[in-house]
Amino acid sequence: MKTTATRVFMVRHGATVMSAEDRFAGATDVELSDEGREQTRRLAERLSHEKIAAVYASPLGRTLETAQILAAPHDLEVQTRDGFREISHGRWEQMTRREVEEKFPEEAAEWEKDPYTFAPVGGESGLAVTARALPVLVELVRKHPGENILVVSHKATIRLLLSSLLGFDPRRYRDNLDQKPAALNIVDFRDATRARLTLFNDTSHYAEAGKAIPAVPEGRLSKWWSR
């Protein structure tokens, strides 16, 4: 029996100048670099033949521009969702990791131990990000049964969403999961509460546009998916 699933193409925004400098820029509104735009154009070509019903994005400039490039081949308007914003690093914003470790060593040590429940002064914990991002994603899955949608978000937000959906220890999200700029992830939802990660952190479009997109999983899976 053919599975009807909602497919979410989950994409991290393309590279920015600050991401190249390894600075904390979660809440800082920075633009894509030329490299980031090229990464995104290649991904747009790769996804151009997919039937996408809607495109959603964080309202920050780097995610909005990424989403607009990806939406153009489909003649779709980008719809923003505040819940998909990146984690705010509070008073660490725009500082390098070394600067944070030198200026706020106690905070940096606590964050390294548990970035899920700890937050720097003025910032957010991973738990707070999950609490605002996951309900938005679930709402969109319910809104688009059996359709493909595209969601453009950020490195930490995507990793936290995947940790929650797949049952990973969210305290280890920084250790166990990565997200390169303009990386493509595919999450297939059998329903709003059951998800399967079909593609993760894929950047094969960096070298060659038009790489194949995996099919929705069908057989050799658990009963809840293949029923």
C-alpha atoms as a PDB file:
ATOM      1  CA  MET A   1       0.000   0.000   0.000  1.00  0.00           C
ATOM      2  CA  LYS A   2       1.395   3.376  -0.969  1.00  0.00           C
ATOM      3  CA  THR A   3       2.192   5.650   1.965  1.00  0.00           C
ATOM      4  CA  THR A   4       0.688   9.129   2.042  1.00  0.00           C
ATOM      5  CA  ALA A   5       3.088  11.394   3.864  1.00  0.00           C
ATOM      6  CA  THR A   6       3.687  15.054   4.407  1.00  0.00           C
ATOM      7  CA  ARG A   7       7.232  15.756   3.263  1.00  0.00           C
ATOM      8  CA  VAL A   8       9.125  18.646   4.822  1.00  0.00           C
ATOM      9  CA  PHE A   9      12.175  19.916   2.973  1.00  0.00           C
ATOM     10  CA  MET A  10      13.969  21.491   5.932  1.00  0.00           C
ATOM     11  CA  VAL A  11      16.788  23.817   4.887  1.00  0.00           C
ATOM     12  CA  ARG A  12      19.351  25.834   6.778  1.00  0.00           C
ATOM     13  CA  HIS A  13      19.990  29.290   5.312  1.00  0.00           C
ATOM     14  CA  GLY A  14      23.060  29.820   3.128  1.00  0.00           C
ATOM     15  CA  ALA A  15      26.410  31.062   4.385  1.00  0.00           C
ATOM     16  CA  THR A  16      26.830  34.546   5.845  1.00  0.00           C
ATOM     17  CA  VAL A  17      29.913  36.599   6.651  1.00  0.00           C
ATOM     18  CA  MET A  18      29.375  35.975  10.365  1.00  0.00           C
ATOM     19  CA  SER A  19      29.040  32.214   9.937  1.00  0.00           C
ATOM     20  CA  ALA A  20      32.433  32.245   8.175  1.00  0.00           C
ATOM     21  CA  GLU A  21      33.900  34.142  11.149  1.00  0.00           C
ATOM     22  CA  ASP A  22      32.371  31.692  13.674  1.00  0.00           C
ATOM     23  CA  ARG A  23      30.527  34.430  15.553  1.00  0.00           C
ATOM     24  CA  PHE A  24      27.353  34.034  17.585  1.00  0.00           C
ATOM     25  CA  ALA A  25      24.662  35.629  15.445  1.00  0.00           C
ATOM     26  CA  GLY A  26      21.428  33.883  16.372  1.00  0.00           C
ATOM     27  CA  ALA A  27      19.311  36.987  16.878  1.00  0.00           C
ATOM     28  CA  THR A  28      21.545  39.263  14.778  1.00  0.00           C
ATOM     29  CA  ASP A  29      20.030  40.017  11.390  1.00  0.00           C
ATOM     30  CA  VAL A  30      22.812  39.422   8.871  1.00  0.00           C
ATOM     31  CA  GLU A  31      22.621  38.961   5.101  1.00  0.00           C
ATOM     32  CA  LEU A  32      23.720  36.050   2.988  1.00  0.00           C
ATOM     33  CA  SER A  33      27.213  36.233   1.573  1.00  0.00           C
ATOM     34  CA  ASP A  34      27.778  35.759  -2.163  1.00  0.00           C
ATOM     35  CA  GLU A  35      28.851  32.214  -1.356  1.00  0.00           C
ATOM     36  CA  GLY A  36      25.609  31.663   0.522  1.00  0.00           C
ATOM     37  CA  ARG A  37      23.548  32.909  -2.422  1.00  0.00           C
ATOM     38  CA  GLU A  38      25.372  30.557  -4.785  1.00  0.00           C
ATOM     39  CA  GLN A  39      24.838  27.600  -2.441  1.00  0.00           C
ATOM     40  CA  THR A  40      21.147  28.447  -2.323  1.00  0.00           C
ATOM     41  CA  ARG A  41      20.825  28.863  -6.097  1.00  0.00           C
ATOM     42  CA  ARG A  42      22.250  25.398  -6.584  1.00  0.00           C
ATOM     43  CA  LEU A  43      19.808  23.965  -4.081  1.00  0.00           C
ATOM     44  CA  ALA A  44      16.958  25.811  -5.802  1.00  0.00           C
ATOM     45  CA  GLU A  45      17.875  24.104  -9.066  1.00  0.00           C
ATOM     46  CA  ARG A  46      18.012  20.757  -7.300  1.00  0.00           C
ATOM     47  CA  LEU A  47      14.503  21.252  -5.888  1.00  0.00           C
ATOM     48  CA  SER A  48      13.021  22.924  -8.953  1.00  0.00           C
ATOM     49  CA  HIS A  49      11.281  19.764 -10.178  1.00  0.00           C
ATOM     50  CA  GLU A  50       9.706  18.926  -6.822  1.00  0.00           C
ATOM     51  CA  LYS A  51       6.038  19.726  -6.309  1.00  0.00           C
ATOM     52  CA  ILE A  52       6.054  22.109  -3.350  1.00  0.00           C
ATOM     53  CA  ALA A  53       2.803  23.410  -1.898  1.00  0.00           C
ATOM     54  CA  ALA A  54       4.139  26.171   0.349  1.00  0.00           C
ATOM     55  CA  VAL A  55       7.353  27.794   1.560  1.00  0.00           C
ATOM     56  CA  TYR A  56       7.831  28.934   5.168  1.00  0.00           C
ATOM     57  CA  ALA A  57      10.777  30.702   6.759  1.00  0.00           C
ATOM     58  CA  SER A  58      12.124  32.410   9.816  1.00  0.00           C
ATOM     59  CA  PRO A  59      11.646  36.190   9.433  1.00  0.00           C
ATOM     60  CA  LEU A  60      15.363  36.983   9.686  1.00  0.00           C
ATOM     61  CA  GLY A  61      17.024  38.353   6.566  1.00  0.00           C
ATOM     62  CA  ARG A  62      19.308  35.398   5.833  1.00  0.00           C
ATOM     63  CA  THR A  63      16.489  32.856   6.030  1.00  0.00           C
ATOM     64  CA  LEU A  64      14.027  35.033   4.156  1.00  0.00           C
ATOM     65  CA  GLU A  65      16.439  35.578   1.245  1.00  0.00           C
ATOM     66  CA  THR A  66      17.277  31.866   1.153  1.00  0.00           C
ATOM     67  CA  ALA A  67      13.583  30.998   1.072  1.00  0.00           C
ATOM     68  CA  GLN A  68      12.852  33.529  -1.671  1.00  0.00           C
ATOM     69  CA  ILE A  69      15.551  32.030  -3.899  1.00  0.00           C
ATOM     70  CA  LEU A  70      14.175  28.528  -3.271  1.00  0.00           C
ATOM     71  CA  ALA A  71      10.551  29.611  -3.806  1.00  0.00           C
ATOM     72  CA  ALA A  72      11.155  31.413  -7.116  1.00  0.00           C
ATOM     73  CA  PRO A  73      11.085  28.325  -9.417  1.00  0.00           C
ATOM     74  CA  HIS A  74       7.716  27.390  -7.895  1.00  0.00           C
ATOM     75  CA  ASP A  75       6.134  30.871  -8.125  1.00  0.00           C
ATOM     76  CA  LEU A  76       5.364  30.778  -4.415  1.00  0.00           C
ATOM     77  CA  GLU A  77       5.332  33.558  -1.837  1.00  0.00           C
ATOM     78  CA  VAL A  78       7.370  32.995   1.289  1.00  0.00           C
ATOM     79  CA  GLN A  79       5.327  32.874   4.487  1.00  0.00           C
ATOM     80  CA  THR A  80       7.211  33.799   7.661  1.00  0.00           C
ATOM     81  CA  ARG A  81       6.855  32.058  11.008  1.00  0.00           C
ATOM     82  CA  ASP A  82       8.473  33.656  14.042  1.00  0.00           C
ATOM     83  CA  GLY A  83       8.813  30.301  15.755  1.00  0.00           C
ATOM     84  CA  PHE A  84      11.508  29.267  13.263  1.00  0.00           C
ATOM     85  CA  ARG A  85      13.891  32.042  14.394  1.00  0.00           C
ATOM     86  CA  GLU A  86      17.385  31.082  15.486  1.00  0.00           C
ATOM     87  CA  ILE A  87      18.297  30.735  19.142  1.00  0.00           C
ATOM     88  CA  SER A  88      19.203  34.054  20.755  1.00  0.00           C
ATOM     89  CA  HIS A  89      22.586  34.136  22.453  1.00  0.00           C
ATOM     90  CA  GLY A  90      21.786  37.260  24.471  1.00  0.00           C
ATOM     91  CA  ARG A  91      24.890  39.195  25.447  1.00  0.00           C
ATOM     92  CA  TRP A  92      27.071  36.795  23.447  1.00  0.00           C
ATOM     93  CA  GLU A  93      25.655  38.041  20.137  1.00  0.00           C
ATOM     94  CA  GLN A  94      28.296  39.018  17.536  1.00  0.00           C
ATOM     95  CA  MET A  95      31.152  37.719  19.708  1.00  0.00           C
ATOM     96  CA  THR A  96      33.486  34.901  18.667  1.00  0.00           C
ATOM     97  CA  ARG A  97      33.583  31.729  20.714  1.00  0.00           C
ATOM     98  CA  ARG A  98      37.022  32.637  22.030  1.00  0.00           C
ATOM     99  CA  GLU A  99      35.787  36.061  23.124  1.00  0.00           C
ATOM    100  CA  VAL A 100      32.859  34.474  24.977  1.00  0.00           C
ATOM    101  CA  GLU A 101      35.138  31.982  26.736  1.00  0.00           C
ATOM    102  CA  GLU A 102      37.457  34.792  27.829  1.00  0.00           C
ATOM    103  CA  LYS A 103      34.766  37.273  28.932  1.00  0.00           C
ATOM    104  CA  PHE A 104      32.119  34.886  30.327  1.00  0.00           C
ATOM    105  CA  PRO A 105      34.009  31.687  31.267  1.00  0.00           C
ATOM    106  CA  GLU A 106      31.384  30.418  33.736  1.00  0.00           C
ATOM    107  CA  GLU A 107      28.529  30.858  31.279  1.00  0.00           C
ATOM    108  CA  ALA A 108      30.557  29.236  28.495  1.00  0.00           C
ATOM    109  CA  ALA A 109      31.325  26.225  30.689  1.00  0.00           C
ATOM    110  CA  GLU A 110      27.666  25.764  31.671  1.00  0.00           C
ATOM    111  CA  TRP A 111      26.567  26.071  28.038  1.00  0.00           C
ATOM    112  CA  GLU A 112      29.084  23.426  26.966  1.00  0.00           C
ATOM    113  CA  LYS A 113      27.727  21.040  29.611  1.00  0.00           C
ATOM    114  CA  ASP A 114      24.026  21.554  28.882  1.00  0.00           C
ATOM    115  CA  PRO A 115      23.008  23.910  26.054  1.00  0.00           C
ATOM    116  CA  TYR A 116      19.447  22.598  26.270  1.00  0.00           C
ATOM    117  CA  THR A 117      18.419  23.994  29.651  1.00  0.00           C
ATOM    118  CA  PHE A 118      21.094  26.684  30.122  1.00  0.00           C
ATOM    119  CA  ALA A 119      20.869  30.126  28.517  1.00  0.00           C
ATOM    120  CA  PRO A 120      23.374  32.985  28.609  1.00  0.00           C
ATOM    121  CA  VAL A 121      22.198  36.264  30.135  1.00  0.00           C
ATOM    122  CA  GLY A 122      19.552  37.758  27.841  1.00  0.00           C
ATOM    123  CA  GLY A 123      19.474  34.656  25.625  1.00  0.00           C
ATOM    124  CA  GLU A 124      17.427  31.500  25.098  1.00  0.00           C
ATOM    125  CA  SER A 125      17.899  27.884  26.083  1.00  0.00           C
ATOM    126  CA  GLY A 126      17.494  25.064  23.607  1.00  0.00           C
ATOM    127  CA  LEU A 127      14.355  24.106  25.500  1.00  0.00           C
ATOM    128  CA  ALA A 128      12.833  27.543  24.867  1.00  0.00           C
ATOM    129  CA  VAL A 129      13.605  27.282  21.160  1.00  0.00           C
ATOM    130  CA  THR A 130      12.023  23.825  20.944  1.00  0.00           C
ATOM    131  CA  ALA A 131       8.943  25.092  22.785  1.00  0.00           C
ATOM    132  CA  ARG A 132       8.321  27.795  20.163  1.00  0.00           C
ATOM    133  CA  ALA A 133       9.507  25.987  17.007  1.00  0.00           C
ATOM    134  CA  LEU A 134       8.028  22.500  17.356  1.00  0.00           C
ATOM    135  CA  PRO A 135       4.358  23.582  17.653  1.00  0.00           C
ATOM    136  CA  VAL A 136       4.731  25.668  14.493  1.00  0.00           C
ATOM    137  CA  LEU A 137       6.153  22.728  12.548  1.00  0.00           C
ATOM    138  CA  VAL A 138       3.438  20.368  13.778  1.00  0.00           C
ATOM    139  CA  GLU A 139       0.778  22.928  12.832  1.00  0.00           C
ATOM    140  CA  LEU A 140       2.154  23.101   9.270  1.00  0.00           C
ATOM    141  CA  VAL A 141       2.237  19.311   8.949  1.00  0.00           C
ATOM    142  CA  ARG A 142      -1.427  19.207   9.957  1.00  0.00           C
ATOM    143  CA  LYS A 143      -2.196  22.017   7.512  1.00  0.00           C
ATOM    144  CA  HIS A 144      -0.579  20.201   4.557  1.00  0.00           C
ATOM    145  CA  PRO A 145      -1.557  16.511   4.742  1.00  0.00           C
ATOM    146  CA  GLY A 146       0.047  14.522   1.942  1.00  0.00           C
ATOM    147  CA  GLU A 147       1.833  17.588   0.507  1.00  0.00           C
ATOM    148  CA  ASN A 148       5.431  18.762   0.219  1.00  0.00           C
ATOM    149  CA  ILE A 149       6.410  21.935   2.040  1.00  0.00           C
ATOM    150  CA  LEU A 150       9.684  23.769   2.412  1.00  0.00           C
ATOM    151  CA  VAL A 151      10.859  25.219   5.728  1.00  0.00           C
ATOM    152  CA  VAL A 152      13.927  27.465   5.936  1.00  0.00           C
ATOM    153  CA  SER A 153      15.377  27.906   9.395  1.00  0.00           C
ATOM    154  CA  HIS A 154      18.681  27.997  11.281  1.00  0.00           C
ATOM    155  CA  LYS A 155      21.421  25.690  12.512  1.00  0.00           C
ATOM    156  CA  ALA A 156      20.456  25.327  16.172  1.00  0.00           C
ATOM    157  CA  THR A 157      16.706  25.469  15.536  1.00  0.00           C
ATOM    158  CA  ILE A 158      16.844  22.659  12.980  1.00  0.00           C
ATOM    159  CA  ARG A 159      19.032  20.480  15.183  1.00  0.00           C
ATOM    160  CA  LEU A 160      16.700  20.992  18.126  1.00  0.00           C
ATOM    161  CA  LEU A 161      13.651  20.154  16.001  1.00  0.00           C
ATOM    162  CA  LEU A 162      15.268  16.968  14.728  1.00  0.00           C
ATOM    163  CA  SER A 163      16.337  15.978  18.249  1.00  0.00           C
ATOM    164  CA  SER A 164      12.747  16.305  19.432  1.00  0.00           C
ATOM    165  CA  LEU A 165      11.169  14.563  16.449  1.00  0.00           C
ATOM    166  CA  LEU A 166      13.575  11.624  16.512  1.00  0.00           C
ATOM    167  CA  GLY A 167      13.890  11.202  20.266  1.00  0.00           C
ATOM    168  CA  PHE A 168      17.568  12.144  20.601  1.00  0.00           C
ATOM    169  CA  ASP A 169      18.932  13.457  23.895  1.00  0.00           C
ATOM    170  CA  PRO A 170      18.480  17.195  23.271  1.00  0.00           C
ATOM    171  CA  ARG A 171      21.351  18.028  25.631  1.00  0.00           C
ATOM    172  CA  ARG A 172      23.660  16.515  23.005  1.00  0.00           C
ATOM    173  CA  TYR A 173      22.274  18.288  19.970  1.00  0.00           C
ATOM    174  CA  ARG A 174      25.454  20.311  19.469  1.00  0.00           C
ATOM    175  CA  ASP A 175      27.646  17.210  19.782  1.00  0.00           C
ATOM    176  CA  ASN A 176      25.644  14.763  17.681  1.00  0.00           C
ATOM    177  CA  LEU A 177      24.097  16.817  14.874  1.00  0.00           C
ATOM    178  CA  ASP A 178      25.505  19.275  12.352  1.00  0.00           C
ATOM    179  CA  GLN A 179      23.984  21.617   9.778  1.00  0.00           C
ATOM    180  CA  LYS A 180      26.094  23.116   7.022  1.00  0.00           C
ATOM    181  CA  PRO A 181      24.963  26.318   5.255  1.00  0.00           C
ATOM    182  CA  ALA A 182      22.189  25.612   2.726  1.00  0.00           C
ATOM    183  CA  ALA A 183      22.045  21.992   3.897  1.00  0.00           C
ATOM    184  CA  LEU A 184      19.002  19.970   2.848  1.00  0.00           C
ATOM    185  CA  ASN A 185      17.157  17.732   5.286  1.00  0.00           C
ATOM    186  CA  ILE A 186      14.049  15.745   4.426  1.00  0.00           C
ATOM    187  CA  VAL A 187      11.595  14.736   7.144  1.00  0.00           C
ATOM    188  CA  ASP A 188       8.611  12.600   6.146  1.00  0.00           C
ATOM    189  CA  PHE A 189       5.613  12.697   8.475  1.00  0.00           C
ATOM    190  CA  ARG A 190       3.205   9.775   8.521  1.00  0.00           C
ATOM    191  CA  ASP A 191       1.073  12.006  10.727  1.00  0.00           C
ATOM    192  CA  ALA A 192       1.694  15.028  12.936  1.00  0.00           C
ATOM    193  CA  THR A 193       3.390  12.983  15.665  1.00  0.00           C
ATOM    194  CA  ARG A 194       5.340  10.351  13.701  1.00  0.00           C
ATOM    195  CA  ALA A 195       8.303  11.438  11.616  1.00  0.00           C
ATOM    196  CA  ARG A 196      11.118   9.731   9.740  1.00  0.00           C
ATOM    197  CA  LEU A 197      14.384  11.424   8.763  1.00  0.00           C
ATOM    198  CA  THR A 198      14.989  10.526   5.120  1.00  0.00           C
ATOM    199  CA  LEU A 199      17.882  12.871   4.315  1.00  0.00           C
ATOM    200  CA  PHE A 200      20.189  14.753   6.679  1.00  0.00           C
ATOM    201  CA  ASN A 201      22.633  17.652   6.284  1.00  0.00           C
ATOM    202  CA  ASP A 202      23.013  16.998   2.569  1.00  0.00           C
ATOM    203  CA  THR A 203      25.125  19.455   0.559  1.00  0.00           C
ATOM    204  CA  SER A 204      25.745  17.453  -2.609  1.00  0.00           C
ATOM    205  CA  HIS A 205      24.321  20.415  -4.557  1.00  0.00           C
ATOM    206  CA  TYR A 206      27.459  22.379  -3.634  1.00  0.00           C
ATOM    207  CA  ALA A 207      29.345  20.489  -6.330  1.00  0.00           C
ATOM    208  CA  GLU A 208      26.575  19.605  -8.747  1.00  0.00           C
ATOM    209  CA  ALA A 209      23.012  20.841  -9.010  1.00  0.00           C
ATOM    210  CA  GLY A 210      20.167  18.428  -9.643  1.00  0.00           C
ATOM    211  CA  LYS A 211      21.202  15.559  -7.381  1.00  0.00           C
ATOM    212  CA  ALA A 212      18.438  13.010  -6.928  1.00  0.00           C
ATOM    213  CA  ILE A 213      15.924  13.486  -4.123  1.00  0.00           C
ATOM    214  CA  PRO A 214      15.188  10.294  -2.137  1.00  0.00           C
ATOM    215  CA  ALA A 215      11.718   8.849  -2.539  1.00  0.00           C
ATOM    216  CA  VAL A 216       9.287   8.778   0.375  1.00  0.00           C
ATOM    217  CA  PRO A 217      10.052   5.566   2.320  1.00  0.00           C
ATOM    218  CA  GLU A 218       7.595   2.767   1.531  1.00  0.00           C
ATOM    219  CA  GLY A 219       8.586  -0.752   2.546  1.00  0.00           C
ATOM    220  CA  ARG A 220      10.760  -2.507   5.145  1.00  0.00           C
ATOM    221  CA  LEU A 221       9.687  -0.032   7.796  1.00  0.00           C
ATOM    222  CA  SER A 222       7.754  -0.274  11.055  1.00  0.00           C
ATOM    223  CA  LYS A 223       4.014  -0.910  11.052  1.00  0.00           C
ATOM    224  CA  TRP A 224       3.080   2.607  12.115  1.00  0.00           C
ATOM    225  CA  TRP A 225       4.677   3.941   8.923  1.00  0.00           C
ATOM    226  CA  SER A 226       3.727   1.272   6.385  1.00  0.00           C
ATOM    227  CA  ARG A 227       0.206   0.547   7.597  1.00  0.00           C
END
